[in-house]
Amino acid sequence: MTLETLLREGFAELGLPLDETALRRYRLYADTLAEKNAVMNLTAIEGEEDVARLHFLDCAALLQGFALAGKSLIDVGTGAGFPGLALKIACPSLELTLLDSLEKRVRFLHECCEALDFPDVRCVHGRAEDGVIFRGAFDCATSRAVARLRVLCELCLPLVKKGGLFLAMKGPEVEEELREAQNAIRLLGGSVERVFRYQIPGTEVHHTVVAIRKTGDSPAKYPRPWAQIKKKPL
């Protein structure tokens, strides 16, 4: 099946709308990713079927569980643009900032956003723990396949407005990470609101989103420098 057919069927299964503009953008994104991945090693997921399902549909599933239209969102450690850029295609009103520590990936994201006609997307070369300018600036933060939950909480929760959400995309088993992250969540002014489980359409793959509501302020001393976070997680 073509990427377009896989996406039409997958979005229908998720109960999400998908128009022709989004389909064209997903096609362009997939083609650009394949071309650049040959020389840049952006993702281990290759081929139209796997890109459609394991990248695009996996990311779009967030829209099944969470209302993101019109929200400001920062995608921390976005890599090749997942989930942020894939979400923006499905939900163009999203006010998106893509943050990554590798300059070559950020250059790729700039090229993608230009090709996809997303001049409003900010592509930022930097690290979350250095992002003082972004402190408390976003309705939502996302992160996918970056680090364990307690580490992600220190990186992401300080960036979220009080009342906002941190959406951590995880595999099927999150219980151990949730247990070890309780202290970090509490210290950083968060509260687990829900654990959203879903199956990627057309696969047997089950994933989880841990939704953490920002209920209080994150103390100014967090996030700490990366060396401290890594050596002694909260």
C-alpha atoms as a PDB file:
ATOM      1  CA  MET A   1       0.000   0.000   0.000  1.00  0.00           C
ATOM      2  CA  THR A   2       1.079   3.560  -0.610  1.00  0.00           C
ATOM      3  CA  LEU A   3       1.870   5.954   2.205  1.00  0.00           C
ATOM      4  CA  GLU A   4      -1.301   7.877   1.351  1.00  0.00           C
ATOM      5  CA  THR A   5      -3.501   4.773   1.659  1.00  0.00           C
ATOM      6  CA  LEU A   6      -1.869   3.766   4.943  1.00  0.00           C
ATOM      7  CA  LEU A   7      -2.445   7.222   6.367  1.00  0.00           C
ATOM      8  CA  ARG A   8      -6.057   7.452   5.186  1.00  0.00           C
ATOM      9  CA  GLU A   9      -6.860   4.092   6.769  1.00  0.00           C
ATOM     10  CA  GLY A  10      -4.873   4.849   9.921  1.00  0.00           C
ATOM     11  CA  PHE A  11      -6.425   8.269  10.522  1.00  0.00           C
ATOM     12  CA  ALA A  12      -9.888   6.790   9.966  1.00  0.00           C
ATOM     13  CA  GLU A  13      -9.152   4.104  12.547  1.00  0.00           C
ATOM     14  CA  LEU A  14      -7.998   6.778  15.001  1.00  0.00           C
ATOM     15  CA  GLY A  15     -11.157   8.764  14.293  1.00  0.00           C
ATOM     16  CA  LEU A  16      -9.156  11.786  13.115  1.00  0.00           C
ATOM     17  CA  PRO A  17      -9.701  14.006  10.058  1.00  0.00           C
ATOM     18  CA  LEU A  18      -7.140  14.004   7.264  1.00  0.00           C
ATOM     19  CA  ASP A  19      -7.381  16.378   4.313  1.00  0.00           C
ATOM     20  CA  GLU A  20      -5.489  16.453   1.022  1.00  0.00           C
ATOM     21  CA  THR A  21      -3.164  19.239   2.188  1.00  0.00           C
ATOM     22  CA  ALA A  22      -2.033  17.113   5.134  1.00  0.00           C
ATOM     23  CA  LEU A  23      -1.555  14.098   2.872  1.00  0.00           C
ATOM     24  CA  ARG A  24       0.644  16.112   0.510  1.00  0.00           C
ATOM     25  CA  ARG A  25       2.690  17.371   3.432  1.00  0.00           C
ATOM     26  CA  TYR A  26       3.155  13.890   4.875  1.00  0.00           C
ATOM     27  CA  ARG A  27       4.326  12.688   1.444  1.00  0.00           C
ATOM     28  CA  LEU A  28       6.814  15.559   1.166  1.00  0.00           C
ATOM     29  CA  TYR A  29       8.021  14.998   4.728  1.00  0.00           C
ATOM     30  CA  ALA A  30       8.510  11.260   4.097  1.00  0.00           C
ATOM     31  CA  ASP A  31      10.398  11.867   0.852  1.00  0.00           C
ATOM     32  CA  THR A  32      12.636  14.522   2.432  1.00  0.00           C
ATOM     33  CA  LEU A  33      13.312  12.260   5.411  1.00  0.00           C
ATOM     34  CA  ALA A  34      14.252   9.336   3.165  1.00  0.00           C
ATOM     35  CA  GLU A  35      16.575  11.484   1.060  1.00  0.00           C
ATOM     36  CA  LYS A  36      18.379  13.031   4.036  1.00  0.00           C
ATOM     37  CA  ASN A  37      18.429   9.838   6.089  1.00  0.00           C
ATOM     38  CA  ALA A  38      20.673   8.231   3.499  1.00  0.00           C
ATOM     39  CA  VAL A  39      23.470  10.615   4.479  1.00  0.00           C
ATOM     40  CA  MET A  40      22.534  11.865   7.975  1.00  0.00           C
ATOM     41  CA  ASN A  41      21.233   8.854   9.938  1.00  0.00           C
ATOM     42  CA  LEU A  42      18.145  10.716  11.163  1.00  0.00           C
ATOM     43  CA  THR A  43      16.028   7.659  11.982  1.00  0.00           C
ATOM     44  CA  ALA A  44      16.305   3.875  12.117  1.00  0.00           C
ATOM     45  CA  ILE A  45      12.727   3.587  10.835  1.00  0.00           C
ATOM     46  CA  GLU A  46      12.756   3.373   7.037  1.00  0.00           C
ATOM     47  CA  GLY A  47      10.386   2.445   4.226  1.00  0.00           C
ATOM     48  CA  GLU A  48       6.983   3.933   3.471  1.00  0.00           C
ATOM     49  CA  GLU A  49       4.960   1.488   5.547  1.00  0.00           C
ATOM     50  CA  ASP A  50       7.057   1.825   8.687  1.00  0.00           C
ATOM     51  CA  VAL A  51       7.389   5.605   8.355  1.00  0.00           C
ATOM     52  CA  ALA A  52       3.627   5.944   7.865  1.00  0.00           C
ATOM     53  CA  ARG A  53       2.746   3.750  10.809  1.00  0.00           C
ATOM     54  CA  LEU A  54       5.610   3.908  13.298  1.00  0.00           C
ATOM     55  CA  HIS A  55       6.267   7.632  12.858  1.00  0.00           C
ATOM     56  CA  PHE A  56       3.272   9.481  11.427  1.00  0.00           C
ATOM     57  CA  LEU A  57       0.388   7.452  12.880  1.00  0.00           C
ATOM     58  CA  ASP A  58       2.181   6.941  16.184  1.00  0.00           C
ATOM     59  CA  CYS A  59       2.532  10.711  16.578  1.00  0.00           C
ATOM     60  CA  ALA A  60      -0.957  11.518  15.304  1.00  0.00           C
ATOM     61  CA  ALA A  61      -2.421   9.242  17.989  1.00  0.00           C
ATOM     62  CA  LEU A  62      -1.756  12.025  20.506  1.00  0.00           C
ATOM     63  CA  LEU A  63      -4.586  13.948  18.864  1.00  0.00           C
ATOM     64  CA  GLN A  64      -6.931  11.086  19.678  1.00  0.00           C
ATOM     65  CA  GLY A  65      -6.327  11.645  23.373  1.00  0.00           C
ATOM     66  CA  PHE A  66      -5.468  15.323  23.734  1.00  0.00           C
ATOM     67  CA  ALA A  67      -6.864  18.595  22.341  1.00  0.00           C
ATOM     68  CA  LEU A  68      -3.844  20.434  20.911  1.00  0.00           C
ATOM     69  CA  ALA A  69      -5.455  22.763  18.358  1.00  0.00           C
ATOM     70  CA  GLY A  70      -4.334  26.345  18.914  1.00  0.00           C
ATOM     71  CA  LYS A  71      -1.980  25.374  21.738  1.00  0.00           C
ATOM     72  CA  SER A  72       1.687  26.325  22.016  1.00  0.00           C
ATOM     73  CA  LEU A  73       3.874  23.221  22.143  1.00  0.00           C
ATOM     74  CA  ILE A  74       7.597  22.567  22.486  1.00  0.00           C
ATOM     75  CA  ASP A  75       8.953  19.217  21.316  1.00  0.00           C
ATOM     76  CA  VAL A  76      12.062  18.465  23.380  1.00  0.00           C
ATOM     77  CA  GLY A  77      14.764  16.360  21.724  1.00  0.00           C
ATOM     78  CA  THR A  78      12.690  16.343  18.557  1.00  0.00           C
ATOM     79  CA  GLY A  79      15.315  14.618  16.393  1.00  0.00           C
ATOM     80  CA  ALA A  80      13.891  14.353  12.889  1.00  0.00           C
ATOM     81  CA  GLY A  81      10.721  16.159  14.034  1.00  0.00           C
ATOM     82  CA  PHE A  82       8.796  13.547  16.000  1.00  0.00           C
ATOM     83  CA  PRO A  83       6.247  13.992  17.358  1.00  0.00           C
ATOM     84  CA  GLY A  84       6.156  17.770  16.817  1.00  0.00           C
ATOM     85  CA  LEU A  85       6.320  18.195  13.055  1.00  0.00           C
ATOM     86  CA  ALA A  86       4.113  15.176  12.387  1.00  0.00           C
ATOM     87  CA  LEU A  87       1.530  16.690  14.763  1.00  0.00           C
ATOM     88  CA  LYS A  88       1.739  20.084  13.050  1.00  0.00           C
ATOM     89  CA  ILE A  89       0.812  18.517   9.710  1.00  0.00           C
ATOM     90  CA  ALA A  90      -2.301  16.949  11.230  1.00  0.00           C
ATOM     91  CA  CYS A  91      -3.086  20.021  13.359  1.00  0.00           C
ATOM     92  CA  PRO A  92      -1.847  23.157  11.529  1.00  0.00           C
ATOM     93  CA  SER A  93      -3.085  25.576  14.220  1.00  0.00           C
ATOM     94  CA  LEU A  94      -0.499  24.163  16.631  1.00  0.00           C
ATOM     95  CA  GLU A  95       2.064  26.808  17.641  1.00  0.00           C
ATOM     96  CA  LEU A  96       5.168  24.650  17.424  1.00  0.00           C
ATOM     97  CA  THR A  97       8.740  24.939  18.665  1.00  0.00           C
ATOM     98  CA  LEU A  98      11.178  22.133  17.789  1.00  0.00           C
ATOM     99  CA  LEU A  99      14.184  21.835  20.109  1.00  0.00           C
ATOM    100  CA  ASP A 100      17.204  19.652  19.456  1.00  0.00           C
ATOM    101  CA  SER A 101      20.831  19.641  20.596  1.00  0.00           C
ATOM    102  CA  LEU A 102      22.344  18.651  17.229  1.00  0.00           C
ATOM    103  CA  GLU A 103      22.779  21.459  14.717  1.00  0.00           C
ATOM    104  CA  LYS A 104      22.592  19.169  11.674  1.00  0.00           C
ATOM    105  CA  ARG A 105      19.162  17.936  12.753  1.00  0.00           C
ATOM    106  CA  VAL A 106      17.966  21.505  13.273  1.00  0.00           C
ATOM    107  CA  ARG A 107      19.166  22.403   9.764  1.00  0.00           C
ATOM    108  CA  PHE A 108      17.152  19.467   8.438  1.00  0.00           C
ATOM    109  CA  LEU A 109      14.085  20.677  10.336  1.00  0.00           C
ATOM    110  CA  HIS A 110      14.480  24.185   8.903  1.00  0.00           C
ATOM    111  CA  GLU A 111      14.540  22.671   5.407  1.00  0.00           C
ATOM    112  CA  CYS A 112      11.474  20.560   6.142  1.00  0.00           C
ATOM    113  CA  CYS A 113       9.484  23.477   7.523  1.00  0.00           C
ATOM    114  CA  GLU A 114      10.338  25.583   4.489  1.00  0.00           C
ATOM    115  CA  ALA A 115       9.306  22.789   2.124  1.00  0.00           C
ATOM    116  CA  LEU A 116       6.106  22.144   4.087  1.00  0.00           C
ATOM    117  CA  ASP A 117       5.236  25.859   4.136  1.00  0.00           C
ATOM    118  CA  PHE A 118       5.326  26.173   7.916  1.00  0.00           C
ATOM    119  CA  PRO A 119       7.015  29.575   8.399  1.00  0.00           C
ATOM    120  CA  ASP A 120       5.587  29.827  11.932  1.00  0.00           C
ATOM    121  CA  VAL A 121       7.469  26.796  13.291  1.00  0.00           C
ATOM    122  CA  ARG A 122      10.509  27.676  15.412  1.00  0.00           C
ATOM    123  CA  CYS A 123      13.464  25.299  14.996  1.00  0.00           C
ATOM    124  CA  VAL A 124      15.877  25.845  17.881  1.00  0.00           C
ATOM    125  CA  HIS A 125      19.388  24.464  18.320  1.00  0.00           C
ATOM    126  CA  GLY A 126      19.842  24.013  22.054  1.00  0.00           C
ATOM    127  CA  ARG A 127      19.203  21.920  25.149  1.00  0.00           C
ATOM    128  CA  ALA A 128      16.143  22.046  27.380  1.00  0.00           C
ATOM    129  CA  GLU A 129      18.261  22.544  30.506  1.00  0.00           C
ATOM    130  CA  ASP A 130      19.737  25.702  28.965  1.00  0.00           C
ATOM    131  CA  GLY A 131      16.413  27.112  27.787  1.00  0.00           C
ATOM    132  CA  VAL A 132      15.845  29.843  30.366  1.00  0.00           C
ATOM    133  CA  ILE A 133      14.181  31.965  27.691  1.00  0.00           C
ATOM    134  CA  PHE A 134      11.478  29.307  27.293  1.00  0.00           C
ATOM    135  CA  ARG A 135      10.734  28.830  30.997  1.00  0.00           C
ATOM    136  CA  GLY A 136       6.995  28.612  31.583  1.00  0.00           C
ATOM    137  CA  ALA A 137       6.318  29.592  27.970  1.00  0.00           C
ATOM    138  CA  PHE A 138       4.261  26.695  26.598  1.00  0.00           C
ATOM    139  CA  ASP A 139       0.825  25.156  26.970  1.00  0.00           C
ATOM    140  CA  CYS A 140       2.340  21.740  26.281  1.00  0.00           C
ATOM    141  CA  ALA A 141       5.670  19.960  26.048  1.00  0.00           C
ATOM    142  CA  THR A 142       6.251  16.633  24.332  1.00  0.00           C
ATOM    143  CA  SER A 143       9.131  14.212  24.197  1.00  0.00           C
ATOM    144  CA  ARG A 144       9.446  10.876  22.411  1.00  0.00           C
ATOM    145  CA  ALA A 145      12.155   8.259  22.970  1.00  0.00           C
ATOM    146  CA  VAL A 146      14.587  10.662  24.663  1.00  0.00           C
ATOM    147  CA  ALA A 147      15.146   9.549  28.281  1.00  0.00           C
ATOM    148  CA  ARG A 148      13.507   7.965  31.316  1.00  0.00           C
ATOM    149  CA  LEU A 149      10.516   9.766  32.729  1.00  0.00           C
ATOM    150  CA  ARG A 150      12.138  11.281  35.812  1.00  0.00           C
ATOM    151  CA  VAL A 151      14.847  12.826  33.637  1.00  0.00           C
ATOM    152  CA  LEU A 152      12.299  14.074  31.115  1.00  0.00           C
ATOM    153  CA  CYS A 153      10.265  15.707  33.872  1.00  0.00           C
ATOM    154  CA  GLU A 154      13.218  17.859  34.924  1.00  0.00           C
ATOM    155  CA  LEU A 155      13.882  18.845  31.315  1.00  0.00           C
ATOM    156  CA  CYS A 156      10.286  19.496  30.270  1.00  0.00           C
ATOM    157  CA  LEU A 157       8.077  20.550  33.180  1.00  0.00           C
ATOM    158  CA  PRO A 158       9.906  23.870  33.775  1.00  0.00           C
ATOM    159  CA  LEU A 159       9.064  24.834  30.176  1.00  0.00           C
ATOM    160  CA  VAL A 160       5.316  24.356  30.698  1.00  0.00           C
ATOM    161  CA  LYS A 161       2.908  27.045  31.913  1.00  0.00           C
ATOM    162  CA  LYS A 162       1.035  26.454  35.145  1.00  0.00           C
ATOM    163  CA  GLY A 163      -2.078  24.546  34.104  1.00  0.00           C
ATOM    164  CA  GLY A 164      -0.347  23.118  31.021  1.00  0.00           C
ATOM    165  CA  LEU A 165       0.586  19.546  30.136  1.00  0.00           C
ATOM    166  CA  PHE A 166       3.723  17.523  29.635  1.00  0.00           C
ATOM    167  CA  LEU A 167       3.027  14.577  27.312  1.00  0.00           C
ATOM    168  CA  ALA A 168       5.708  11.896  27.570  1.00  0.00           C
ATOM    169  CA  MET A 169       5.488   9.322  24.770  1.00  0.00           C
ATOM    170  CA  LYS A 170       6.500   5.914  26.059  1.00  0.00           C
ATOM    171  CA  GLY A 171       6.351   2.217  25.255  1.00  0.00           C
ATOM    172  CA  PRO A 172       3.687  -0.143  26.594  1.00  0.00           C
ATOM    173  CA  GLU A 173       5.204  -0.601  30.063  1.00  0.00           C
ATOM    174  CA  VAL A 174       5.455   2.590  32.100  1.00  0.00           C
ATOM    175  CA  GLU A 175       4.724   1.447  35.648  1.00  0.00           C
ATOM    176  CA  GLU A 176       8.357   1.266  36.774  1.00  0.00           C
ATOM    177  CA  GLU A 177       9.203   4.658  35.255  1.00  0.00           C
ATOM    178  CA  LEU A 178       6.136   6.196  36.865  1.00  0.00           C
ATOM    179  CA  ARG A 179       7.131   4.857  40.272  1.00  0.00           C
ATOM    180  CA  GLU A 180      10.672   6.172  40.045  1.00  0.00           C
ATOM    181  CA  ALA A 181       9.462   9.557  38.704  1.00  0.00           C
ATOM    182  CA  GLN A 182       7.066  10.346  41.563  1.00  0.00           C
ATOM    183  CA  ASN A 183       9.599  12.466  43.450  1.00  0.00           C
ATOM    184  CA  ALA A 184      10.603  14.406  40.338  1.00  0.00           C
ATOM    185  CA  ILE A 185       6.978  15.066  39.396  1.00  0.00           C
ATOM    186  CA  ARG A 186       6.189  16.369  42.884  1.00  0.00           C
ATOM    187  CA  LEU A 187       9.320  18.547  43.155  1.00  0.00           C
ATOM    188  CA  LEU A 188       8.734  20.109  39.742  1.00  0.00           C
ATOM    189  CA  GLY A 189       5.113  21.084  40.364  1.00  0.00           C
ATOM    190  CA  GLY A 190       3.433  18.318  38.413  1.00  0.00           C
ATOM    191  CA  SER A 191       0.689  15.774  38.906  1.00  0.00           C
ATOM    192  CA  VAL A 192      -0.028  12.687  36.800  1.00  0.00           C
ATOM    193  CA  GLU A 193      -3.401  13.356  35.166  1.00  0.00           C
ATOM    194  CA  ARG A 194      -3.808  10.252  33.044  1.00  0.00           C
ATOM    195  CA  VAL A 195      -2.005   7.402  31.328  1.00  0.00           C
ATOM    196  CA  PHE A 196      -3.287   7.193  27.758  1.00  0.00           C
ATOM    197  CA  ARG A 197      -2.771   3.861  26.012  1.00  0.00           C
ATOM    198  CA  TYR A 198      -3.222   3.284  22.292  1.00  0.00           C
ATOM    199  CA  GLN A 199      -2.463   0.838  19.497  1.00  0.00           C
ATOM    200  CA  ILE A 200      -0.823   2.082  16.309  1.00  0.00           C
ATOM    201  CA  PRO A 201      -3.272   1.372  13.457  1.00  0.00           C
ATOM    202  CA  GLY A 202      -2.287  -1.531  11.258  1.00  0.00           C
ATOM    203  CA  THR A 203       0.171  -2.940  13.805  1.00  0.00           C
ATOM    204  CA  GLU A 204       0.301  -4.912  17.034  1.00  0.00           C
ATOM    205  CA  VAL A 205       2.340  -2.118  18.626  1.00  0.00           C
ATOM    206  CA  HIS A 206       0.956  -0.579  21.806  1.00  0.00           C
ATOM    207  CA  HIS A 207       2.300   2.696  23.177  1.00  0.00           C
ATOM    208  CA  THR A 208       1.564   4.938  26.136  1.00  0.00           C
ATOM    209  CA  VAL A 209       1.405   8.677  26.780  1.00  0.00           C
ATOM    210  CA  VAL A 210       1.964   9.820  30.353  1.00  0.00           C
ATOM    211  CA  ALA A 211       0.123  13.131  30.770  1.00  0.00           C
ATOM    212  CA  ILE A 212       1.475  15.259  33.613  1.00  0.00           C
ATOM    213  CA  ARG A 213      -0.434  18.413  34.533  1.00  0.00           C
ATOM    214  CA  LYS A 214       1.626  21.425  35.688  1.00  0.00           C
ATOM    215  CA  THR A 215      -0.193  22.258  38.927  1.00  0.00           C
ATOM    216  CA  GLY A 216       2.480  24.389  40.590  1.00  0.00           C
ATOM    217  CA  ASP A 217       5.672  26.286  39.892  1.00  0.00           C
ATOM    218  CA  SER A 218       8.933  24.500  39.133  1.00  0.00           C
ATOM    219  CA  PRO A 219      11.624  25.725  41.568  1.00  0.00           C
ATOM    220  CA  ALA A 220      14.119  28.066  39.899  1.00  0.00           C
ATOM    221  CA  LYS A 221      17.029  25.684  40.531  1.00  0.00           C
ATOM    222  CA  TYR A 222      15.561  23.201  38.051  1.00  0.00           C
ATOM    223  CA  PRO A 223      16.529  22.086  35.513  1.00  0.00           C
ATOM    224  CA  ARG A 224      20.084  21.515  36.711  1.00  0.00           C
ATOM    225  CA  PRO A 225      23.056  21.184  34.344  1.00  0.00           C
ATOM    226  CA  TRP A 226      22.932  17.987  32.300  1.00  0.00           C
ATOM    227  CA  ALA A 227      25.897  16.403  34.086  1.00  0.00           C
ATOM    228  CA  GLN A 228      24.042  16.690  37.408  1.00  0.00           C
ATOM    229  CA  ILE A 229      20.766  15.422  35.977  1.00  0.00           C
ATOM    230  CA  LYS A 230      22.509  12.391  34.517  1.00  0.00           C
ATOM    231  CA  LYS A 231      24.591  11.670  37.616  1.00  0.00           C
ATOM    232  CA  LYS A 232      21.803  12.100  40.159  1.00  0.00           C
ATOM    233  CA  PRO A 233      18.280  12.036  38.708  1.00  0.00           C
ATOM    234  CA  LEU A 234      15.543  13.407  40.933  1.00  0.00           C
END
